[in-house]
Amino acid sequence: MLTRSRTRHRLATALAVFGLLGTGAALQATAGATPAHAATTHRVLFDDGHAEEAGNADWIISTSKPDPLGQDSTPSAETDWTGALSSWGVALQKTGGYSLKTATSALTYGGSSSTDLSNFDTLVLPEPNTLFTSAEKTAIMTFVKNGGGLFMISDHTGADRNNDGYDAVEILNDLMTNNSVDSTDPFGFSIDSLSISSDYPSAISDSTDPVLHGSFGNVSKSLIASGTTATLKPADNSAVKGLLYRTGYSGNTGAFFLTSTFGSGRVAFWGDSSPIDDGTGQSGNTLYDGWNDSGATNAALALNATAWLAGAGSSTGGGGGTGTCTAAQLLGNSGFESGSTTWSASSGVITNSTGESARSGSYYAWLDGYGSTTTDTLSQSVTIPSGCTTAALSFYLHVDTAETSTSTAYDTLKVQVLNSSGTVLGTLATYSNLNAVSGYTQRSFSLASYAGQTVTLKFTGTEGSTLQTSFVIDDTALNVS
């Protein structure tokens, strides 16, 4: 190939990458926190920091926050706690296997707050009515990617309870499509902009599904009392699964309740807040008792889903990277098709330039290749759950060089593992101009020894002052099980 033009190549993407490097750095900072230790009690955080009590909504388990036990430490009936979600909270509390809290401020991951997501297995978002900040979206997505459970509950389009211009449909879609961790349809679905007045969505036939047939009972139907549905996109995430469908719908359309996975975490979506509303709450709110609707099995659905998200059935607990291991591929934007999203890279490294060829798709990572003194880097932070015994890093590498020596490594590419402070924990391999070969070659390494740690995978390409060597990377993966 011809030697790269530094000016031409770098100016083409400099502005875009400059804006994204800060986001990548922020991700590394938040993801670098030590995950919470495994616990036998499943820890569930209900969000109340995004106008969940606006208008007639009362989506809280108790008026005592963050700890509902402050209102009644041994609740036996849903009226022992005050809130439209108190039936849900009391039912979990009575099992003795759950610790419940309510978040009233910004959501964080890796901080010191008692309601920091690293202290929980599951986050419940009960019809949020204000947008999540960029930092909050990074925290939520990183939490799920690292093993947390995320329960998203929407309402119908136009249900803007605080009149700020955003409803839950828009807010949850924004979380999934406009974040710094993975905006490439990470969960495999989008929420429909619909307002369905009424229906009793039916469950699919699957006797083995733990959400439909769990320890809290069997699920046959749910309830829509002004709600919406979702469109499944299994090509984006093959784990997405519709469990209950609007009457007359099936397959990829009309899913009222669904589950999916992301990284090591689990995701559930419900298209209406009416099914979780128990009809009681704070004075002045007009509520609807969908929890006890005789034509549906909403209580079993909510409770089974909470158990599944929190990792119930495992003695080590669930989420946040705590102790279980769900088979998954952990790297975000693994084929670089979303540009610099998720990765931190030197200007111009992630490119769709025709100077080299991607192994698949259009984008790839191109380190060095200028024929002048250059150091390029490419990195991503990732948490390997402590319960994983297999953690296989792989990537495809093409080395293209103008060097003619068969014995001297003038230009090198190091593949290293770093901790959250930037200290090198290990060098997996060093490649050079001596490894030049036509086409891509897959390289594989075990990272099982780093289970339970948040590490940064870093590629560093260093080029001498004369003849060029290009290190081209594509189709990365970190598969754990």
Protein backbone atom coordinates (compact mmCIF):
# COMPACT_ATOMS: atom_id res chain seq x y z
CA MET A 1 0.00 0.00 0.00
CA LEU A 2 1.00 3.64 -0.27
CA THR A 3 2.23 5.46 2.81
CA ARG A 4 -0.62 7.21 4.63
CA SER A 5 -0.96 10.95 4.47
CA ARG A 6 -1.11 12.14 8.07
CA THR A 7 -2.88 15.40 7.23
CA ARG A 8 -5.45 13.89 4.87
CA HIS A 9 -6.21 10.92 7.07
CA ARG A 10 -6.35 12.71 10.37
CA LEU A 11 -8.31 15.79 9.35
CA ALA A 12 -11.08 13.61 7.96
CA THR A 13 -12.03 12.32 11.39
CA ALA A 14 -10.30 14.62 13.86
CA LEU A 15 -13.35 16.62 14.90
CA ALA A 16 -15.56 13.58 15.41
CA VAL A 17 -12.98 11.68 17.42
CA PHE A 18 -12.02 14.74 19.50
CA GLY A 19 -15.58 14.99 20.76
CA LEU A 20 -15.79 11.30 21.55
CA LEU A 21 -12.49 10.90 23.38
CA GLY A 22 -13.87 12.70 26.42
CA THR A 23 -16.83 10.36 26.47
CA GLY A 24 -14.55 7.34 26.29
CA ALA A 25 -12.44 8.69 29.13
CA ALA A 26 -15.55 9.21 31.24
CA LEU A 27 -16.59 5.64 30.56
CA GLN A 28 -13.23 4.32 31.70
CA ALA A 29 -13.48 6.35 34.88
CA THR A 30 -16.94 5.07 35.81
CA ALA A 31 -16.36 1.50 34.66
CA GLY A 32 -13.12 1.34 36.61
CA ALA A 33 -14.85 1.08 39.97
CA THR A 34 -14.58 -2.17 41.88
CA PRO A 35 -17.87 -4.10 41.52
CA ALA A 36 -19.86 -4.96 44.60
CA HIS A 37 -19.24 -8.35 46.18
CA ALA A 38 -21.63 -11.23 45.63
CA ALA A 39 -24.58 -11.46 47.99
CA THR A 40 -27.29 -13.96 48.73
CA THR A 41 -29.86 -11.15 49.12
CA HIS A 42 -30.96 -9.71 45.80
CA ARG A 43 -30.55 -5.96 45.80
CA VAL A 44 -33.12 -3.92 43.86
CA LEU A 45 -33.03 -0.14 43.31
CA PHE A 46 -36.23 1.65 42.28
CA ASP A 47 -35.64 4.99 40.56
CA ASP A 48 -37.49 8.07 41.81
CA GLY A 49 -35.14 10.71 40.51
CA HIS A 50 -36.82 11.31 37.15
CA ALA A 51 -40.31 12.65 37.87
CA GLU A 52 -41.79 9.24 38.68
CA GLU A 53 -44.27 11.03 40.96
CA ALA A 54 -45.26 13.77 38.50
CA GLY A 55 -48.94 14.36 37.81
CA ASN A 56 -51.07 11.42 38.92
CA ALA A 57 -48.10 9.05 38.87
CA ASP A 58 -46.98 7.61 42.18
CA TRP A 59 -44.39 5.08 41.05
CA ILE A 60 -42.72 4.47 44.41
CA ILE A 61 -42.67 1.49 46.75
CA SER A 62 -42.74 3.69 49.87
CA THR A 63 -42.63 7.31 50.94
CA SER A 64 -39.63 6.40 53.10
CA LYS A 65 -36.55 6.94 50.93
CA PRO A 66 -34.04 5.56 50.29
CA ASP A 67 -35.01 2.77 52.71
CA PRO A 68 -38.68 1.68 52.71
CA LEU A 69 -38.11 -0.14 56.00
CA GLY A 70 -38.19 3.28 57.64
CA GLN A 71 -41.94 3.34 57.09
CA ASP A 72 -42.53 -0.23 58.29
CA SER A 73 -39.70 -2.69 58.90
CA THR A 74 -41.94 -5.77 58.69
CA PRO A 75 -44.69 -5.02 56.17
CA SER A 76 -47.37 -7.66 55.77
CA ALA A 77 -49.86 -5.80 53.55
CA GLU A 78 -49.32 -3.38 50.69
CA THR A 79 -50.88 -0.56 52.77
CA ASP A 80 -48.00 -0.84 55.24
CA TRP A 81 -45.96 1.05 52.67
CA THR A 82 -47.35 4.05 50.78
CA GLY A 83 -47.04 4.22 47.00
CA ALA A 84 -48.64 2.85 43.88
CA LEU A 85 -45.83 0.26 43.69
CA SER A 86 -46.09 -0.77 47.34
CA SER A 87 -47.68 -4.14 46.47
CA TRP A 88 -44.61 -4.95 44.38
CA GLY A 89 -42.21 -3.84 47.09
CA VAL A 90 -44.00 -5.56 49.96
CA ALA A 91 -44.29 -8.83 48.02
CA LEU A 92 -40.51 -8.87 47.49
CA GLN A 93 -39.76 -7.81 51.05
CA LYS A 94 -41.91 -10.58 52.51
CA THR A 95 -39.83 -13.28 50.79
CA GLY A 96 -36.81 -12.36 52.91
CA GLY A 97 -34.57 -12.59 49.87
CA TYR A 98 -34.58 -8.98 48.68
CA SER A 99 -33.08 -5.69 49.83
CA LEU A 100 -34.97 -2.72 48.37
CA LYS A 101 -33.96 0.91 48.08
CA THR A 102 -35.18 4.04 46.27
CA ALA A 103 -32.89 6.45 44.39
CA THR A 104 -33.93 10.12 44.49
CA SER A 105 -30.85 11.72 42.92
CA ALA A 106 -28.71 11.21 39.83
CA LEU A 107 -27.87 7.61 38.99
CA THR A 108 -24.17 6.73 39.23
CA TYR A 109 -22.01 3.65 38.80
CA GLY A 110 -18.73 3.33 40.66
CA GLY A 111 -19.36 6.15 43.15
CA SER A 112 -19.58 6.31 46.93
CA SER A 113 -23.31 6.92 47.32
CA SER A 114 -25.37 4.28 49.13
CA THR A 115 -27.62 4.16 46.06
CA ASP A 116 -24.75 3.83 43.59
CA LEU A 117 -25.60 1.15 41.03
CA SER A 118 -22.55 -0.91 41.96
CA ASN A 119 -24.37 -1.74 45.20
CA PHE A 120 -27.33 -3.35 43.40
CA ASP A 121 -28.27 -6.27 41.20
CA THR A 122 -31.28 -4.68 39.49
CA LEU A 123 -32.41 -1.18 38.55
CA VAL A 124 -36.12 -0.52 38.02
CA LEU A 125 -37.07 2.49 35.86
CA PRO A 126 -40.84 2.86 36.44
CA GLU A 127 -41.95 5.28 33.72
CA PRO A 128 -39.26 7.97 33.99
CA ASN A 129 -40.46 11.41 32.88
CA THR A 130 -37.22 13.37 32.57
CA LEU A 131 -34.29 12.60 30.29
CA PHE A 132 -31.28 10.85 31.75
CA THR A 133 -28.09 12.89 31.61
CA SER A 134 -25.14 11.68 29.56
CA ALA A 135 -23.38 10.59 32.76
CA GLU A 136 -26.47 8.71 33.93
CA LYS A 137 -26.81 6.89 30.61
CA THR A 138 -23.17 5.85 30.81
CA ALA A 139 -23.76 4.62 34.36
CA ILE A 140 -26.90 2.63 33.48
CA MET A 141 -25.49 1.03 30.35
CA THR A 142 -22.18 0.16 32.02
CA PHE A 143 -24.06 -1.34 34.97
CA VAL A 144 -26.03 -3.63 32.65
CA LYS A 145 -23.02 -4.49 30.51
CA ASN A 146 -21.17 -5.53 33.66
CA GLY A 147 -23.93 -7.87 34.82
CA GLY A 148 -26.76 -5.73 36.18
CA GLY A 149 -30.46 -6.22 35.56
CA LEU A 150 -32.48 -3.38 34.00
CA PHE A 151 -36.30 -3.23 34.21
CA MET A 152 -37.70 -0.54 31.89
CA ILE A 153 -41.39 0.32 32.20
CA SER A 154 -42.92 2.71 29.71
CA ASP A 155 -46.34 4.24 29.13
CA HIS A 156 -48.17 5.39 26.02
CA THR A 157 -46.73 8.06 23.78
CA GLY A 158 -47.73 11.54 24.91
CA ALA A 159 -47.77 10.62 28.61
CA ASP A 160 -45.64 13.65 29.51
CA ARG A 161 -46.69 13.96 33.14
CA ASN A 162 -44.44 16.93 34.00
CA ASN A 163 -44.93 18.75 30.67
CA ASP A 164 -41.22 19.02 29.92
CA GLY A 165 -41.59 17.80 26.35
CA TYR A 166 -40.52 14.20 26.95
CA ASP A 167 -42.51 11.06 27.71
CA ALA A 168 -41.23 7.65 28.81
CA VAL A 169 -41.21 6.32 25.23
CA GLU A 170 -38.80 9.05 24.14
CA ILE A 171 -36.72 8.88 27.32
CA LEU A 172 -36.15 5.12 27.20
CA ASN A 173 -35.48 5.13 23.45
CA ASP A 174 -32.94 7.92 24.06
CA LEU A 175 -31.23 5.79 26.70
CA MET A 176 -30.82 2.95 24.21
CA THR A 177 -29.80 4.98 21.16
CA ASN A 178 -27.89 7.97 22.51
CA ASN A 179 -25.31 6.78 25.03
CA SER A 180 -21.53 6.50 25.18
CA VAL A 181 -21.42 2.75 25.86
CA ASP A 182 -23.29 1.24 22.89
CA SER A 183 -25.84 3.06 20.75
CA THR A 184 -26.08 0.36 18.07
CA ASP A 185 -29.43 -1.02 19.26
CA PRO A 186 -27.74 -2.85 22.14
CA PHE A 187 -30.87 -4.57 23.50
CA GLY A 188 -32.38 -5.47 20.11
CA PHE A 189 -35.63 -3.50 20.26
CA SER A 190 -37.19 -0.06 20.03
CA ILE A 191 -40.29 1.26 21.79
CA ASP A 192 -43.22 2.11 19.55
CA SER A 193 -44.77 5.60 19.57
CA LEU A 194 -48.28 4.32 20.20
CA SER A 195 -51.19 4.97 22.54
CA ILE A 196 -53.16 1.74 22.85
CA SER A 197 -56.28 2.33 24.91
CA SER A 198 -56.98 -1.19 26.16
CA ASP A 199 -56.04 -4.83 25.67
CA TYR A 200 -55.08 -8.01 27.51
CA PRO A 201 -51.82 -9.14 25.86
CA SER A 202 -51.28 -12.89 25.94
CA ALA A 203 -48.17 -14.84 26.90
CA ILE A 204 -46.36 -17.04 24.40
CA SER A 205 -46.25 -20.77 24.97
CA ASP A 206 -42.90 -21.54 26.60
CA SER A 207 -43.01 -23.73 29.68
CA THR A 208 -39.29 -23.26 30.33
CA ASP A 209 -39.21 -19.47 30.43
CA PRO A 210 -38.38 -18.32 34.01
CA VAL A 211 -40.31 -15.05 33.67
CA LEU A 212 -43.51 -16.69 32.45
CA HIS A 213 -43.20 -19.65 34.80
CA GLY A 214 -41.26 -18.67 37.90
CA SER A 215 -41.39 -19.01 41.65
CA PHE A 216 -44.10 -16.34 41.93
CA GLY A 217 -46.52 -18.14 39.64
CA ASN A 218 -47.49 -18.66 36.01
CA VAL A 219 -48.15 -15.78 33.64
CA SER A 220 -50.97 -15.94 31.10
CA LYS A 221 -52.00 -12.34 30.39
CA SER A 222 -51.11 -8.76 31.15
CA LEU A 223 -53.03 -5.51 30.86
CA ILE A 224 -52.92 -2.41 28.68
CA ALA A 225 -54.80 0.62 29.98
CA SER A 226 -53.24 3.23 27.67
CA GLY A 227 -49.82 1.86 26.84
CA THR A 228 -47.51 0.92 24.00
CA THR A 229 -45.53 -1.97 22.55
CA ALA A 230 -42.07 -2.59 21.15
CA THR A 231 -40.59 -3.72 17.85
CA LEU A 232 -38.02 -6.51 18.13
CA LYS A 233 -34.83 -6.44 16.07
CA PRO A 234 -33.21 -9.85 16.54
CA ALA A 235 -30.66 -9.10 13.83
CA ASP A 236 -29.18 -6.53 16.23
CA ASN A 237 -29.41 -8.73 19.33
CA SER A 238 -30.39 -12.37 18.94
CA ALA A 239 -31.20 -12.63 22.67
CA VAL A 240 -34.26 -10.37 22.44
CA LYS A 241 -37.46 -12.32 23.11
CA GLY A 242 -41.10 -11.23 23.14
CA LEU A 243 -43.01 -12.86 26.02
CA LEU A 244 -46.44 -11.21 25.80
CA TYR A 245 -48.02 -9.74 22.69
CA ARG A 246 -50.81 -7.32 21.90
CA THR A 247 -53.85 -9.13 20.55
CA GLY A 248 -53.34 -10.01 16.88
CA TYR A 249 -49.57 -9.56 16.95
CA SER A 250 -46.59 -11.90 17.19
CA GLY A 251 -42.97 -12.23 16.10
CA ASN A 252 -41.14 -8.93 15.88
CA THR A 253 -44.12 -6.57 16.24
CA GLY A 254 -46.53 -5.78 19.02
CA ALA A 255 -44.41 -7.09 21.91
CA PHE A 256 -45.89 -5.76 25.15
CA PHE A 257 -43.38 -7.49 27.45
CA LEU A 258 -39.94 -8.67 26.38
CA THR A 259 -36.56 -9.71 27.70
CA SER A 260 -33.04 -9.41 26.35
CA THR A 261 -29.40 -9.39 27.43
CA PHE A 262 -26.50 -6.98 27.04
CA GLY A 263 -22.94 -7.86 27.94
CA SER A 264 -23.26 -9.90 31.14
CA GLY A 265 -26.53 -8.24 32.13
CA ARG A 266 -30.25 -8.80 31.60
CA VAL A 267 -33.01 -6.48 30.40
CA ALA A 268 -36.82 -6.51 30.65
CA PHE A 269 -39.32 -4.10 29.08
CA TRP A 270 -43.02 -3.55 29.85
CA GLY A 271 -45.16 -1.27 27.70
CA ASP A 272 -47.45 0.24 30.35
CA SER A 273 -47.27 1.36 33.97
CA SER A 274 -50.89 0.37 34.70
CA PRO A 275 -50.02 -3.31 35.39
CA ILE A 276 -47.68 -2.34 38.25
CA ASP A 277 -50.12 0.20 39.74
CA ASP A 278 -51.85 -1.24 42.81
CA GLY A 279 -54.44 1.56 43.01
CA THR A 280 -53.23 2.97 46.33
CA GLY A 281 -50.76 5.72 47.01
CA GLN A 282 -50.38 9.23 48.27
CA SER A 283 -53.46 11.41 48.69
CA GLY A 284 -54.56 13.34 45.63
CA ASN A 285 -53.34 10.91 42.97
CA THR A 286 -55.77 9.21 40.59
CA LEU A 287 -54.53 5.64 40.32
CA TYR A 288 -55.60 2.40 38.65
CA ASP A 289 -55.42 -1.06 40.19
CA GLY A 290 -53.82 -3.13 37.46
CA TRP A 291 -51.75 -5.19 39.90
CA ASN A 292 -54.87 -7.02 41.09
CA ASP A 293 -56.79 -7.03 37.79
CA SER A 294 -58.65 -10.36 37.68
CA GLY A 295 -58.22 -10.72 33.92
CA ALA A 296 -54.40 -10.60 34.11
CA THR A 297 -51.47 -12.07 36.03
CA ASN A 298 -49.48 -8.88 36.45
CA ALA A 299 -48.15 -9.58 39.95
CA ALA A 300 -46.57 -12.87 38.88
CA LEU A 301 -45.09 -11.19 35.79
CA ALA A 302 -43.53 -8.31 37.74
CA LEU A 303 -42.16 -10.54 40.50
CA ASN A 304 -40.84 -13.31 38.25
CA ALA A 305 -39.14 -10.72 36.06
CA THR A 306 -37.53 -9.06 39.08
CA ALA A 307 -36.23 -12.42 40.24
CA TRP A 308 -34.82 -13.22 36.79
CA LEU A 309 -33.17 -9.81 36.45
CA ALA A 310 -31.62 -10.03 39.91
CA GLY A 311 -30.23 -13.48 39.25
CA ALA A 312 -32.59 -15.31 41.60
CA GLY A 313 -31.99 -19.02 41.47
CA SER A 314 -28.27 -18.48 41.93
CA SER A 315 -26.78 -18.55 45.42
CA THR A 316 -24.26 -15.90 44.45
CA GLY A 317 -26.69 -13.19 43.41
CA GLY A 318 -26.88 -11.29 40.15
CA GLY A 319 -25.78 -8.10 38.52
CA GLY A 320 -23.27 -5.36 38.43
CA GLY A 321 -20.53 -7.88 37.73
CA THR A 322 -21.00 -9.44 41.16
CA GLY A 323 -20.63 -13.17 40.91
CA THR A 324 -22.68 -14.86 38.23
CA CYS A 325 -21.67 -15.30 34.64
CA THR A 326 -24.06 -15.04 31.73
CA ALA A 327 -22.49 -16.22 28.48
CA ALA A 328 -21.97 -13.05 26.45
CA GLN A 329 -19.71 -10.98 24.23
CA LEU A 330 -18.59 -8.01 26.32
CA LEU A 331 -16.91 -5.55 23.95
CA GLY A 332 -19.00 -2.68 22.72
CA ASN A 333 -18.90 -1.66 19.05
CA SER A 334 -16.75 -4.72 18.48
CA GLY A 335 -16.54 -4.29 14.69
CA PHE A 336 -16.07 -0.49 14.79
CA GLU A 337 -19.17 0.07 12.62
CA SER A 338 -20.34 2.86 14.96
CA GLY A 339 -17.11 4.80 14.56
CA SER A 340 -15.39 5.75 17.79
CA THR A 341 -18.34 4.87 20.04
CA THR A 342 -17.21 2.90 23.12
CA TRP A 343 -13.53 2.95 22.10
CA SER A 344 -10.89 5.53 23.02
CA ALA A 345 -8.51 5.98 20.10
CA SER A 346 -5.90 8.28 18.61
CA SER A 347 -7.31 10.65 16.02
CA GLY A 348 -8.13 8.85 12.79
CA VAL A 349 -7.46 5.30 14.02
CA ILE A 350 -11.08 4.15 13.62
CA THR A 351 -11.85 4.75 9.98
CA ASN A 352 -13.60 3.61 6.83
CA SER A 353 -10.77 4.82 4.61
CA THR A 354 -10.20 2.91 1.39
CA GLY A 355 -6.44 2.89 2.06
CA GLU A 356 -6.92 -0.44 3.86
CA SER A 357 -9.86 -2.84 3.86
CA ALA A 358 -12.18 -3.86 6.68
CA ARG A 359 -12.49 -7.58 7.30
CA SER A 360 -16.26 -7.12 7.53
CA GLY A 361 -18.48 -4.07 7.24
CA SER A 362 -16.93 -0.72 6.39
CA TYR A 363 -15.02 0.41 9.47
CA TYR A 364 -11.85 -0.91 11.08
CA ALA A 365 -8.98 0.31 13.30
CA TRP A 366 -5.82 1.41 11.49
CA LEU A 367 -2.80 2.12 13.70
CA ASP A 368 0.32 3.76 12.23
CA GLY A 369 1.12 3.47 8.51
CA TYR A 370 2.57 6.96 8.07
CA GLY A 371 6.24 6.15 7.46
CA SER A 372 7.20 8.65 10.16
CA THR A 373 7.60 8.56 13.93
CA THR A 374 4.10 7.83 15.22
CA THR A 375 2.39 6.28 18.25
CA ASP A 376 -1.28 5.33 17.89
CA THR A 377 -3.48 3.79 20.59
CA LEU A 378 -6.83 2.02 20.76
CA SER A 379 -8.47 0.96 24.02
CA GLN A 380 -11.70 -0.06 25.74
CA SER A 381 -12.53 -0.65 29.41
CA VAL A 382 -14.47 -3.78 30.34
CA THR A 383 -15.46 -5.66 33.49
CA ILE A 384 -15.08 -9.44 33.44
CA PRO A 385 -17.62 -10.94 35.88
CA SER A 386 -16.04 -12.88 38.72
CA GLY A 387 -18.21 -15.93 38.02
CA CYS A 388 -16.78 -16.44 34.54
CA THR A 389 -14.27 -19.25 34.05
CA THR A 390 -13.78 -18.53 30.36
CA ALA A 391 -12.89 -15.10 28.97
CA ALA A 392 -11.60 -15.35 25.41
CA LEU A 393 -10.29 -12.20 23.76
CA SER A 394 -10.00 -12.38 19.99
CA PHE A 395 -9.41 -9.96 17.14
CA TYR A 396 -8.38 -10.10 13.51
CA LEU A 397 -5.06 -8.47 12.63
CA HIS A 398 -3.56 -7.52 9.29
CA VAL A 399 0.03 -6.23 9.19
CA ASP A 400 1.06 -4.36 6.05
CA THR A 401 4.62 -3.01 5.76
CA ALA A 402 7.11 -1.37 3.42
CA GLU A 403 10.00 -2.54 5.57
CA THR A 404 12.25 -5.11 3.86
CA SER A 405 14.14 -6.49 6.86
CA THR A 406 13.49 -10.13 7.77
CA SER A 407 15.19 -9.85 11.15
CA THR A 408 14.67 -6.38 12.67
CA ALA A 409 11.41 -5.19 14.25
CA TYR A 410 11.37 -1.51 13.38
CA ASP A 411 7.65 -0.95 14.05
CA THR A 412 5.62 -2.66 16.80
CA LEU A 413 2.08 -3.24 18.06
CA LYS A 414 1.65 -4.14 21.73
CA VAL A 415 -1.54 -5.73 23.04
CA GLN A 416 -1.81 -5.11 26.78
CA VAL A 417 -4.14 -5.35 29.77
CA LEU A 418 -4.17 -2.37 32.15
CA ASN A 419 -5.93 -1.70 35.44
CA SER A 420 -8.17 1.31 36.05
CA SER A 421 -5.14 3.38 37.12
CA GLY A 422 -3.35 2.73 33.84
CA THR A 423 -0.81 0.28 35.22
CA VAL A 424 0.08 -2.51 32.80
CA LEU A 425 -1.04 -5.84 34.25
CA GLY A 426 0.21 -7.91 31.34
CA THR A 427 1.38 -7.80 27.72
CA LEU A 428 -0.52 -10.38 25.70
CA ALA A 429 1.56 -10.07 22.54
CA THR A 430 3.88 -7.82 20.54
CA TYR A 431 3.62 -7.80 16.75
CA SER A 432 5.91 -6.03 14.29
CA ASN A 433 6.73 -5.47 10.64
CA LEU A 434 8.12 -9.04 10.74
CA ASN A 435 4.53 -10.31 11.07
CA ALA A 436 3.40 -8.78 7.78
CA VAL A 437 1.13 -11.06 5.78
CA SER A 438 -1.62 -10.63 3.24
CA GLY A 439 -5.13 -10.72 4.66
CA TYR A 440 -6.30 -10.94 8.26
CA THR A 441 -5.23 -13.48 10.87
CA GLN A 442 -7.28 -14.14 14.00
CA ARG A 443 -5.41 -13.75 17.29
CA SER A 444 -6.79 -15.19 20.55
CA PHE A 445 -5.91 -14.90 24.25
CA SER A 446 -7.41 -16.00 27.55
CA LEU A 447 -8.31 -13.26 30.04
CA ALA A 448 -9.81 -15.67 32.57
CA SER A 449 -7.21 -14.67 35.14
CA TYR A 450 -8.74 -11.17 35.20
CA ALA A 451 -12.25 -12.37 36.17
CA GLY A 452 -13.78 -10.08 38.76
CA GLN A 453 -11.73 -7.09 37.59
CA THR A 454 -12.37 -4.02 35.48
CA VAL A 455 -9.52 -3.82 32.99
CA THR A 456 -8.60 -1.81 29.93
CA LEU A 457 -7.64 -3.60 26.74
CA LYS A 458 -5.09 -1.46 24.92
CA PHE A 459 -3.41 -1.66 21.52
CA THR A 460 -0.33 0.56 21.11
CA GLY A 461 1.25 0.93 17.68
CA THR A 462 4.72 2.52 17.50
CA GLU A 463 6.27 3.38 14.15
CA GLY A 464 9.84 4.44 13.29
CA SER A 465 10.91 7.39 11.24
CA THR A 466 11.07 5.90 7.75
CA LEU A 467 9.24 3.05 6.01
CA GLN A 468 5.61 2.53 7.00
CA THR A 469 4.00 -0.38 8.82
CA SER A 470 0.22 -0.50 9.21
CA PHE A 471 -1.44 -2.51 11.98
CA VAL A 472 -5.07 -3.08 10.98
CA ILE A 473 -7.58 -4.53 13.44
CA ASP A 474 -11.20 -5.62 12.96
CA ASP A 475 -13.91 -7.88 14.45
CA THR A 476 -12.85 -7.87 18.09
CA ALA A 477 -14.61 -9.96 20.74
CA LEU A 478 -14.39 -10.85 24.41
CA ASN A 479 -16.57 -13.93 24.94
CA VAL A 480 -17.21 -15.01 28.52
CA SER A 481 -18.97 -18.01 29.99
